[in-house]
Amino acid sequence: MFAVVRTGGKQYRVADGDKIIVEKLEGDAGTPLSLETLMTGEGAAIVMGGSVTAEIVAQTKSDKIIIFKKKRRHNYRRRNGHRQQLTVLKITSVA
């Protein structure tokens, strides 16, 4: 059985035991939570709704992204970096 859930403005296809990396959610490691379910399915049968529960495994950061802006012949250079905060979730049940 699988489900399609939405979190952080993105959609994920999940099943029991899957681990997914999503944008930061509040909570410490081991905290259970429920996700917004768009649809669930088993084989060819698709049902709207359902429930998905997950457990937070870890709070982490993604790789650093460097933003570099330059305008040639104007002595303009700007360097900036960003690391996105992420949450690792383990799907415990799809119902």
N, C-alpha and C. Protein backbone atom coordinates (compact mmCIF):
# COMPACT_ATOMS: atom_id res chain seq x y z
N MET A 1 0.84 -1.17 0.00
CA MET A 1 0.00 0.00 0.00
C MET A 1 0.89 1.24 0.00
N PHE A 2 0.50 2.24 -0.77
CA PHE A 2 1.27 3.48 -0.83
C PHE A 2 0.33 4.66 -0.61
N ALA A 3 0.94 5.82 -0.42
CA ALA A 3 0.16 7.05 -0.27
C ALA A 3 0.96 8.20 -0.87
N VAL A 4 0.24 9.24 -1.27
CA VAL A 4 0.88 10.47 -1.74
C VAL A 4 0.60 11.52 -0.68
N VAL A 5 1.67 12.08 -0.11
CA VAL A 5 1.53 13.08 0.95
C VAL A 5 2.13 14.39 0.49
N ARG A 6 1.67 15.49 1.11
CA ARG A 6 2.19 16.81 0.78
C ARG A 6 2.76 17.43 2.05
N THR A 7 4.00 17.91 1.96
CA THR A 7 4.63 18.63 3.05
C THR A 7 5.69 19.56 2.46
N GLY A 8 5.76 20.75 2.97
CA GLY A 8 6.76 21.71 2.48
C GLY A 8 6.53 22.14 1.05
N GLY A 9 5.29 22.07 0.55
CA GLY A 9 5.00 22.48 -0.81
C GLY A 9 5.37 21.46 -1.87
N LYS A 10 5.76 20.26 -1.44
CA LYS A 10 6.14 19.20 -2.38
C LYS A 10 5.31 17.96 -2.08
N GLN A 11 5.22 17.06 -3.05
CA GLN A 11 4.48 15.82 -2.89
C GLN A 11 5.44 14.64 -2.93
N TYR A 12 5.17 13.63 -2.08
CA TYR A 12 6.02 12.46 -1.98
C TYR A 12 5.15 11.21 -2.03
N ARG A 13 5.63 10.18 -2.75
CA ARG A 13 4.96 8.88 -2.76
C ARG A 13 5.66 8.02 -1.72
N VAL A 14 4.92 7.56 -0.72
CA VAL A 14 5.52 6.84 0.40
C VAL A 14 4.81 5.51 0.64
N ALA A 15 5.51 4.60 1.31
CA ALA A 15 4.96 3.32 1.74
C ALA A 15 5.51 3.03 3.14
N ASP A 16 5.02 1.98 3.78
CA ASP A 16 5.50 1.62 5.11
C ASP A 16 7.00 1.39 5.10
N GLY A 17 7.70 1.96 6.08
CA GLY A 17 9.14 1.74 6.22
C GLY A 17 10.02 2.65 5.39
N ASP A 18 9.45 3.49 4.53
CA ASP A 18 10.25 4.41 3.70
C ASP A 18 10.87 5.50 4.56
N LYS A 19 12.03 5.98 4.13
CA LYS A 19 12.65 7.16 4.74
C LYS A 19 12.67 8.25 3.68
N ILE A 20 12.17 9.44 4.04
CA ILE A 20 12.16 10.56 3.10
C ILE A 20 12.81 11.77 3.76
N ILE A 21 13.35 12.64 2.95
CA ILE A 21 13.97 13.88 3.43
C ILE A 21 13.10 15.04 2.96
N VAL A 22 12.58 15.81 3.91
CA VAL A 22 11.66 16.90 3.60
C VAL A 22 12.20 18.19 4.20
N GLU A 23 11.58 19.31 3.85
CA GLU A 23 11.97 20.57 4.45
C GLU A 23 11.67 20.53 5.94
N LYS A 24 12.35 21.36 6.70
CA LYS A 24 12.33 21.29 8.16
C LYS A 24 10.92 21.31 8.75
N LEU A 25 10.68 20.34 9.65
CA LEU A 25 9.46 20.27 10.44
C LEU A 25 9.86 20.38 11.91
N GLU A 26 9.02 21.01 12.72
CA GLU A 26 9.32 21.19 14.13
C GLU A 26 9.23 19.85 14.86
N GLY A 27 10.17 19.62 15.79
CA GLY A 27 10.16 18.41 16.60
C GLY A 27 11.55 17.83 16.73
N ASP A 28 11.72 17.02 17.77
CA ASP A 28 13.00 16.34 18.01
C ASP A 28 12.95 14.92 17.45
N ALA A 29 14.10 14.27 17.44
CA ALA A 29 14.18 12.89 16.96
C ALA A 29 13.29 12.00 17.81
N GLY A 30 12.52 11.15 17.16
CA GLY A 30 11.62 10.25 17.85
C GLY A 30 10.20 10.77 17.99
N THR A 31 9.96 12.01 17.59
CA THR A 31 8.62 12.59 17.70
C THR A 31 7.72 12.06 16.59
N PRO A 32 6.55 11.50 16.94
CA PRO A 32 5.62 11.05 15.89
C PRO A 32 4.80 12.22 15.35
N LEU A 33 4.40 12.14 14.09
CA LEU A 33 3.54 13.17 13.50
C LEU A 33 2.73 12.56 12.38
N SER A 34 1.66 13.27 12.00
CA SER A 34 0.84 12.80 10.88
C SER A 34 0.99 13.78 9.72
N LEU A 35 0.96 13.25 8.50
CA LEU A 35 1.16 14.05 7.30
C LEU A 35 -0.14 14.21 6.54
N GLU A 36 -0.25 15.31 5.80
CA GLU A 36 -1.43 15.57 4.97
C GLU A 36 -1.43 14.59 3.79
N THR A 37 -2.47 13.79 3.72
CA THR A 37 -2.56 12.74 2.69
C THR A 37 -3.45 13.21 1.55
N LEU A 38 -2.97 13.10 0.32
CA LEU A 38 -3.76 13.45 -0.85
C LEU A 38 -4.54 12.24 -1.35
N MET A 39 -3.88 11.07 -1.39
CA MET A 39 -4.54 9.86 -1.84
C MET A 39 -3.76 8.64 -1.38
N THR A 40 -4.45 7.51 -1.30
CA THR A 40 -3.79 6.25 -0.99
C THR A 40 -4.16 5.25 -2.07
N GLY A 41 -3.35 4.22 -2.23
CA GLY A 41 -3.63 3.24 -3.26
C GLY A 41 -3.00 1.91 -2.94
N GLU A 42 -3.60 0.88 -3.52
CA GLU A 42 -3.07 -0.47 -3.40
C GLU A 42 -3.33 -1.15 -4.74
N GLY A 43 -2.26 -1.39 -5.47
CA GLY A 43 -2.42 -1.95 -6.82
C GLY A 43 -3.07 -0.93 -7.73
N ALA A 44 -4.22 -1.30 -8.31
CA ALA A 44 -4.92 -0.39 -9.22
C ALA A 44 -6.00 0.42 -8.52
N ALA A 45 -6.34 0.08 -7.26
CA ALA A 45 -7.38 0.80 -6.54
C ALA A 45 -6.81 2.05 -5.89
N ILE A 46 -7.42 3.20 -6.17
CA ILE A 46 -6.98 4.46 -5.62
C ILE A 46 -8.12 5.05 -4.80
N VAL A 47 -7.80 5.45 -3.56
CA VAL A 47 -8.80 6.00 -2.65
C VAL A 47 -8.33 7.38 -2.22
N MET A 48 -9.22 8.36 -2.26
CA MET A 48 -8.87 9.70 -1.81
C MET A 48 -8.89 9.71 -0.29
N GLY A 49 -7.96 10.45 0.29
CA GLY A 49 -7.89 10.55 1.75
C GLY A 49 -7.00 9.47 2.34
N GLY A 50 -7.25 9.13 3.60
CA GLY A 50 -6.42 8.16 4.31
C GLY A 50 -5.56 8.88 5.32
N SER A 51 -4.70 8.15 6.00
CA SER A 51 -3.82 8.77 6.98
C SER A 51 -2.44 8.15 6.91
N VAL A 52 -1.44 8.98 7.16
CA VAL A 52 -0.05 8.54 7.17
C VAL A 52 0.59 9.07 8.45
N THR A 53 1.22 8.18 9.22
CA THR A 53 1.96 8.60 10.40
C THR A 53 3.44 8.36 10.15
N ALA A 54 4.24 9.27 10.67
CA ALA A 54 5.69 9.21 10.48
C ALA A 54 6.38 9.54 11.79
N GLU A 55 7.66 9.22 11.83
CA GLU A 55 8.48 9.51 13.00
C GLU A 55 9.72 10.27 12.54
N ILE A 56 10.08 11.31 13.29
CA ILE A 56 11.27 12.09 12.94
C ILE A 56 12.51 11.30 13.33
N VAL A 57 13.39 11.07 12.35
CA VAL A 57 14.63 10.34 12.59
C VAL A 57 15.74 11.32 12.98
N ALA A 58 15.87 12.43 12.23
CA ALA A 58 16.94 13.39 12.50
C ALA A 58 16.60 14.75 11.89
N GLN A 59 17.19 15.78 12.46
CA GLN A 59 17.17 17.12 11.88
C GLN A 59 18.57 17.34 11.31
N THR A 60 18.67 17.72 10.05
CA THR A 60 19.97 17.83 9.39
C THR A 60 19.98 19.03 8.46
N LYS A 61 21.09 19.22 7.75
CA LYS A 61 21.24 20.28 6.77
C LYS A 61 21.65 19.69 5.44
N SER A 62 21.27 20.36 4.34
CA SER A 62 21.68 19.90 3.02
C SER A 62 23.08 20.43 2.71
N ASP A 63 23.57 20.09 1.53
CA ASP A 63 24.87 20.60 1.10
C ASP A 63 24.79 22.10 0.90
N LYS A 64 25.92 22.77 1.03
CA LYS A 64 25.96 24.22 0.87
C LYS A 64 25.86 24.59 -0.61
N ILE A 65 25.06 25.60 -0.89
CA ILE A 65 24.91 26.15 -2.24
C ILE A 65 25.54 27.53 -2.24
N ILE A 66 26.43 27.79 -3.19
CA ILE A 66 27.10 29.08 -3.30
C ILE A 66 26.39 29.93 -4.35
N ILE A 67 26.01 31.14 -3.96
CA ILE A 67 25.39 32.09 -4.88
C ILE A 67 26.44 33.16 -5.20
N PHE A 68 26.79 33.30 -6.46
CA PHE A 68 27.81 34.26 -6.87
C PHE A 68 27.25 35.17 -7.95
N LYS A 69 27.26 36.48 -7.69
CA LYS A 69 26.76 37.45 -8.66
C LYS A 69 27.93 38.31 -9.12
N LYS A 70 27.95 38.62 -10.42
CA LYS A 70 29.04 39.44 -10.97
C LYS A 70 28.52 40.25 -12.14
N LYS A 71 28.92 41.51 -12.18
CA LYS A 71 28.66 42.35 -13.34
C LYS A 71 30.03 42.75 -13.89
N ARG A 72 30.31 42.29 -15.07
CA ARG A 72 31.63 42.53 -15.61
C ARG A 72 31.86 44.00 -15.92
N ARG A 73 33.10 44.39 -15.77
CA ARG A 73 33.57 45.74 -16.01
C ARG A 73 32.97 46.78 -15.05
N HIS A 74 32.35 46.37 -13.95
CA HIS A 74 31.80 47.32 -12.98
C HIS A 74 32.34 47.07 -11.57
N ASN A 75 33.32 46.16 -11.43
CA ASN A 75 33.90 45.82 -10.14
C ASN A 75 32.82 45.44 -9.12
N TYR A 76 31.83 44.67 -9.57
CA TYR A 76 30.72 44.23 -8.72
C TYR A 76 30.76 42.72 -8.59
N ARG A 77 31.03 42.24 -7.37
CA ARG A 77 31.03 40.81 -7.09
C ARG A 77 30.41 40.58 -5.72
N ARG A 78 29.48 39.64 -5.63
CA ARG A 78 28.85 39.29 -4.37
C ARG A 78 28.85 37.77 -4.24
N ARG A 79 29.27 37.29 -3.09
CA ARG A 79 29.30 35.85 -2.83
C ARG A 79 28.47 35.58 -1.59
N ASN A 80 27.57 34.61 -1.69
CA ASN A 80 26.70 34.27 -0.58
C ASN A 80 26.50 32.76 -0.58
N GLY A 81 26.22 32.18 0.56
CA GLY A 81 26.00 30.75 0.65
C GLY A 81 24.71 30.45 1.39
N HIS A 82 24.21 29.21 1.21
CA HIS A 82 22.96 28.81 1.86
C HIS A 82 22.98 27.31 2.13
N ARG A 83 22.54 26.90 3.32
CA ARG A 83 22.34 25.49 3.66
C ARG A 83 20.92 25.32 4.14
N GLN A 84 20.14 24.54 3.42
CA GLN A 84 18.73 24.33 3.74
C GLN A 84 18.59 23.39 4.94
N GLN A 85 17.72 23.73 5.88
CA GLN A 85 17.42 22.87 7.02
C GLN A 85 16.48 21.75 6.55
N LEU A 86 16.79 20.50 6.89
CA LEU A 86 16.01 19.35 6.45
C LEU A 86 15.62 18.47 7.64
N THR A 87 14.58 17.67 7.43
CA THR A 87 14.14 16.69 8.41
C THR A 87 14.06 15.33 7.73
N VAL A 88 14.62 14.31 8.38
CA VAL A 88 14.55 12.94 7.87
C VAL A 88 13.38 12.26 8.58
N LEU A 89 12.42 11.73 7.78
CA LEU A 89 11.25 11.08 8.33
C LEU A 89 11.25 9.60 7.98
N LYS A 90 10.76 8.77 8.90
CA LYS A 90 10.53 7.35 8.63
C LYS A 90 9.02 7.12 8.72
N ILE A 91 8.46 6.59 7.64
CA ILE A 91 7.02 6.35 7.57
C ILE A 91 6.72 5.09 8.40
N THR A 92 5.84 5.24 9.40
CA THR A 92 5.52 4.11 10.27
C THR A 92 4.26 3.37 9.82
N SER A 93 3.25 4.10 9.32
CA SER A 93 2.06 3.39 8.86
C SER A 93 1.31 4.20 7.80
N VAL A 94 0.73 3.47 6.87
CA VAL A 94 -0.15 4.04 5.83
C VAL A 94 -1.48 3.34 5.98
N ALA A 95 -2.54 4.13 6.23
CA ALA A 95 -3.86 3.53 6.41
C ALA A 95 -4.88 4.19 5.50
